[in-house]
Amino acid sequence: FLSLVAEFCCGFFVILILGNFWFLAVLYLLWLYLDWGTPCAGGRRSQWVRSWTVWKYFREYFPIHLIKTSELNPKHNYLLGFHPHGVLVAGAFGNFCTDPPFKNLFPGLTPYLHIMPIWFGCPFFREYIMSAGMVSASKESVSHVLNNEGGGHASVIVIGGAEESLNAHPGSLTLNILKRKGFIKMALKHGAHLVPVFSFGENELFKQVANPKGSWLRNVQEKLQKIMGFALPLFHARGVFQYSFGLIPYRQPIHTVVGSPIPVKKNSNPTTEEIDQLHALYLEKLKKLFEEHKSNYGIPAHKSLIFE
């Protein structure tokens, strides 16, 4: 969905340049230059955009549910690790970029969904995603959000990143997380409490062309991902009036479960050992969260998370 909106925005910008409105394009480029740092400085959210009626229908289509398992004190800042990435990241968008799900369950907390910086280079599209509460996933951006002295900020990071979308097959429980420790270091540096979040149903929205590790397709996808910064999963789902083929996601329920916070003491210069210890604790809590709730959402008892 976001990709389609981005393409439309880029196309509109090209029309301005090629048409008789090139001066508007020049003015926008000037604005882009002056406003370049905003995605790393908290963005520019709009309560009006986040409350559009269309988001209500978006959440109801699947439907998307946000499940609270513990209180999050707004006097603290939090770093929420979202899993899995899936193809669409629908649970992250529906719960953290639209109101009122998160707002009602966790009053006093403001969520910021961190996404790849490349998206903020897209004309006009950047204004839209910032208005929804999305900000850059750069270290500078995460630090800005978590550096709020009064607390009440929640950084939401899709830990597996674009690479994990290549594992987004129905039934897949593989998470790219063993080598991803940057979010742990950021939590320690700012004393932000860590909160594991698992979105059941996220991988069920699309069917992806078989791309096992070592296959020629997977090798090509991984090389492109390293070059471009984002992955290109080959997926399909349903159409508008038929269910056999199309790009509209299947209507599969998504239950995004927010776990209990892991208290983190501020440490401006954490050692490798301290980072590894907290990372291991986070994995333990994430696995526990999954095991406690998997039976509620159709996951067989013998299936467990696979960490890579």
Foldseek 3Di string as FASTA:
>chain_A
DLVVVLVVLLVVLVCCCPDPNVVVNVVLVVVCVVCVCQLLQQFAAALVLLADPVLVVLCVQLPEAEAEDDADDQQAEAEEAEDDCAQPNSNCCSQQQHDDNVCVVHPLAHEAEAADSVQCVRRPSVNSSSRSRYGHPDLSSLLNQLQPNRGRYYYYYNQQAQLSNQQLAVPAQEGAHPPRLPVLLSCQQRQHWYKYKYKPPRSVFKHFDDDDPPDPVSVVQVVVCVVVVHGDTHIWAQDDPGTPTHRGTDSHYIYMYIGDTHGHHHDNDDDPVVSVVVSVVVVVRNQVVCQVCVVVRPRDNPDGHHYD
